Amino acid sequence: MNNRAFFIVARVLIPSVFVGLGLERLLVGAGVLTGAPMSAGALIFSAFELVAGLLVMLGWKVRWVASVLALFILVDAFLAHAFWTYPAAGTNVSRSAARRPECPEFLSKTRVAEVMSYA
């Protein structure tokens, strides 16, 4: 695969995460899919994810939009997956068990932000 084809495939596949999740949450908010109720802020951010992901896929101001997406995902990682606020393992079994899934989520989001910063 030549360089140009690689970048086109990457430009479609990497933001597909944002498009898919944004669309899914908007459909849940609209009542088309079943799921937990969502706040207006969550719907706004979901619409942002969908639109920004589509803009990167289409190649419109890719560096600017990808930078905004990288910043967005970093803020989301620090606010939604603050695993360091949970006590260390062994101090409280129920809370330390809740800590386990947050660390990989945090690390994966920071990795996605890093990849988006290369756009």
Protein backbone atom coordinates (compact mmCIF):
# COMPACT_ATOMS: atom_id res chain seq x y z
CA MET A 1 0.00 0.00 0.00
CA ASN A 2 1.47 3.33 -0.97
CA ASN A 3 1.71 6.30 1.38
CA ARG A 4 -1.30 8.16 0.00
CA ALA A 5 -3.60 5.16 0.30
CA PHE A 6 -2.39 4.53 3.86
CA PHE A 7 -3.24 8.09 4.91
CA ILE A 8 -6.66 7.95 3.27
CA VAL A 9 -7.49 4.69 5.07
CA ALA A 10 -6.21 6.11 8.37
CA ARG A 11 -8.19 9.33 7.84
CA VAL A 12 -11.37 7.27 7.52
CA LEU A 13 -10.75 4.64 10.20
CA ILE A 14 -9.41 6.77 13.07
CA PRO A 15 -12.31 9.26 13.23
CA SER A 16 -14.82 6.46 12.70
CA VAL A 17 -14.69 5.97 16.48
CA PHE A 18 -16.01 9.51 16.98
CA VAL A 19 -18.63 9.15 14.25
CA GLY A 20 -19.92 5.82 15.55
CA LEU A 21 -20.10 6.80 19.21
CA GLY A 22 -21.53 10.23 18.49
CA LEU A 23 -24.22 8.80 16.23
CA GLU A 24 -25.09 6.05 18.71
CA ARG A 25 -25.53 8.50 21.59
CA LEU A 26 -27.61 10.85 19.43
CA LEU A 27 -29.87 7.95 18.45
CA VAL A 28 -30.24 6.98 22.13
CA GLY A 29 -31.07 10.59 22.97
CA ALA A 30 -33.68 10.70 20.21
CA GLY A 31 -35.27 7.50 21.49
CA VAL A 32 -34.47 5.46 18.39
CA LEU A 33 -32.17 3.16 20.39
CA THR A 34 -32.64 2.10 23.99
CA GLY A 35 -30.23 3.37 26.61
CA ALA A 36 -29.79 5.53 29.66
CA PRO A 37 -31.26 9.02 29.55
CA MET A 38 -28.81 11.68 28.42
CA SER A 39 -28.36 15.29 29.45
CA ALA A 40 -28.45 18.15 26.96
CA GLY A 41 -24.69 18.60 27.41
CA ALA A 42 -24.04 14.97 26.51
CA LEU A 43 -26.14 15.36 23.37
CA ILE A 44 -24.25 18.50 22.38
CA PHE A 45 -20.90 16.77 22.82
CA SER A 46 -22.20 13.75 20.90
CA ALA A 47 -23.20 16.01 18.01
CA PHE A 48 -19.75 17.62 18.17
CA GLU A 49 -18.08 14.19 18.00
CA LEU A 50 -20.20 13.17 15.03
CA VAL A 51 -19.64 16.36 13.03
CA ALA A 52 -15.92 16.63 13.82
CA GLY A 53 -15.35 12.98 12.95
CA LEU A 54 -17.13 13.44 9.63
CA LEU A 55 -15.08 16.57 8.88
CA VAL A 56 -11.82 14.68 9.43
CA MET A 57 -13.08 11.82 7.24
CA LEU A 58 -13.96 14.25 4.47
CA GLY A 59 -10.62 16.02 4.76
CA TRP A 60 -11.93 19.47 5.68
CA LYS A 61 -9.29 21.38 7.68
CA VAL A 62 -7.98 18.08 9.00
CA ARG A 63 -5.20 19.48 11.20
CA TRP A 64 -7.45 22.03 12.89
CA VAL A 65 -10.38 19.67 13.46
CA ALA A 66 -8.13 16.81 14.60
CA SER A 67 -6.42 19.16 17.08
CA VAL A 68 -9.78 20.18 18.51
CA LEU A 69 -10.78 16.50 18.75
CA ALA A 70 -7.50 15.67 20.51
CA LEU A 71 -8.10 18.43 23.05
CA PHE A 72 -11.71 17.29 23.48
CA ILE A 73 -10.70 13.69 24.15
CA LEU A 74 -8.01 14.75 26.65
CA VAL A 75 -10.49 16.85 28.62
CA ASP A 76 -12.96 13.97 28.52
CA ALA A 77 -10.30 11.51 29.72
CA PHE A 78 -9.36 13.66 32.70
CA LEU A 79 -12.96 14.44 33.67
CA ALA A 80 -14.68 11.12 33.04
CA HIS A 81 -11.96 8.58 33.85
CA ALA A 82 -10.12 9.99 36.87
CA PHE A 83 -8.86 6.63 38.13
CA TRP A 84 -6.37 8.31 40.48
CA THR A 85 -9.22 9.55 42.68
CA TYR A 86 -10.08 5.99 43.75
CA PRO A 87 -8.22 4.46 46.70
CA ALA A 88 -5.40 2.02 46.09
CA ALA A 89 -6.13 -1.68 45.89
CA GLY A 90 -6.59 -3.33 49.27
CA THR A 91 -7.96 -0.31 51.12
CA ASN A 92 -11.58 -0.63 50.06
CA VAL A 93 -12.46 -3.60 47.89
CA SER A 94 -15.60 -2.15 46.32
CA ARG A 95 -14.00 1.17 45.31
CA SER A 96 -10.70 -0.34 44.17
CA ALA A 97 -12.69 -2.68 41.92
CA ALA A 98 -14.30 0.40 40.37
CA ARG A 99 -10.83 1.80 39.72
CA ARG A 100 -9.75 -1.04 37.45
CA PRO A 101 -11.80 -0.22 34.32
CA GLU A 102 -11.06 3.51 34.55
CA CYS A 103 -7.29 3.27 34.07
CA PRO A 104 -7.41 1.45 30.69
CA GLU A 105 -10.17 3.81 29.51
CA PHE A 106 -8.05 6.81 30.49
CA LEU A 107 -4.97 5.41 28.77
CA SER A 108 -6.85 4.52 25.59
CA LYS A 109 -8.35 8.01 25.35
CA THR A 110 -4.97 9.67 25.82
CA ARG A 111 -3.59 7.37 23.10
CA VAL A 112 -6.39 8.38 20.70
CA ALA A 113 -5.64 12.03 21.47
CA GLU A 114 -1.99 11.41 20.63
CA VAL A 115 -2.91 9.79 17.31
CA MET A 116 -5.25 12.67 16.44
CA SER A 117 -2.46 15.16 17.12
CA TYR A 118 -0.44 13.61 14.27
CA ALA A 119 -3.09 14.52 11.69
